[in-house]
Amino acid sequence: MDATIPAALNCTLSQVGPCAHCRRPCHRYGKGASPLCRTCRTEREAALQAAK
């Protein structure tokens, strides 16, 4: 894994894991983590807003 990924995600290497949807690296574990990467989370939030 590229050492710049944790820095870009503002987390440690041990907190990086695959996005549950697209499998891209994301801040998956620990405080402030999400099972989705930023892109998938944004798309999901937009889809939820459109469904209202």
Protein backbone atom coordinates (compact mmCIF):
# COMPACT_ATOMS: atom_id res chain seq x y z
CA MET A 1 0.00 0.00 0.00
CA ASP A 2 1.19 3.48 -0.84
CA ALA A 3 2.47 5.28 2.28
CA THR A 4 0.71 8.50 1.21
CA ILE A 5 -2.77 6.97 1.55
CA PRO A 6 -3.03 7.30 5.35
CA ALA A 7 -1.81 10.90 5.15
CA ALA A 8 -4.40 11.72 2.50
CA LEU A 9 -7.12 10.12 4.64
CA ASN A 10 -5.86 11.76 7.84
CA CYS A 11 -5.49 8.43 9.68
CA THR A 12 -2.87 5.80 10.47
CA LEU A 13 -1.98 2.85 8.26
CA SER A 14 -3.69 0.46 10.69
CA GLN A 15 -6.98 2.36 10.18
CA VAL A 16 -6.99 1.98 6.39
CA GLY A 17 -9.15 -0.73 4.84
CA PRO A 18 -11.23 -1.36 1.71
CA CYS A 19 -14.42 0.54 1.00
CA ALA A 20 -17.41 -1.77 1.45
CA HIS A 21 -18.77 -0.75 -1.96
CA CYS A 22 -15.91 -0.07 -4.38
CA ARG A 23 -12.94 -1.60 -2.48
CA ARG A 24 -10.81 1.58 -2.71
CA PRO A 25 -8.69 2.34 0.37
CA CYS A 26 -10.54 4.39 2.96
CA HIS A 27 -10.44 5.30 6.66
CA ARG A 28 -12.25 2.10 7.62
CA TYR A 29 -11.28 1.47 11.25
CA GLY A 30 -11.03 3.55 14.42
CA LYS A 31 -12.50 6.87 15.51
CA GLY A 32 -14.17 8.80 12.71
CA ALA A 33 -14.10 5.81 10.37
CA SER A 34 -16.70 4.80 7.79
CA PRO A 35 -17.28 1.57 5.85
CA LEU A 36 -17.52 3.70 2.69
CA CYS A 37 -14.88 5.85 0.99
CA ARG A 38 -15.56 9.57 0.53
CA THR A 39 -16.76 9.09 -3.05
CA CYS A 40 -19.19 6.28 -2.24
CA ARG A 41 -20.41 8.06 0.91
CA THR A 42 -21.14 11.23 -1.11
CA GLU A 43 -22.97 9.23 -3.79
CA ARG A 44 -24.99 7.38 -1.12
CA GLU A 45 -25.96 10.62 0.64
CA ALA A 46 -27.04 12.14 -2.70
CA ALA A 47 -29.15 9.07 -3.49
CA LEU A 48 -30.83 9.27 -0.08
CA GLN A 49 -31.60 12.96 -0.57
CA ALA A 50 -33.06 12.27 -4.03
CA ALA A 51 -35.31 9.55 -2.59
CA LYS A 52 -36.97 12.01 -0.18
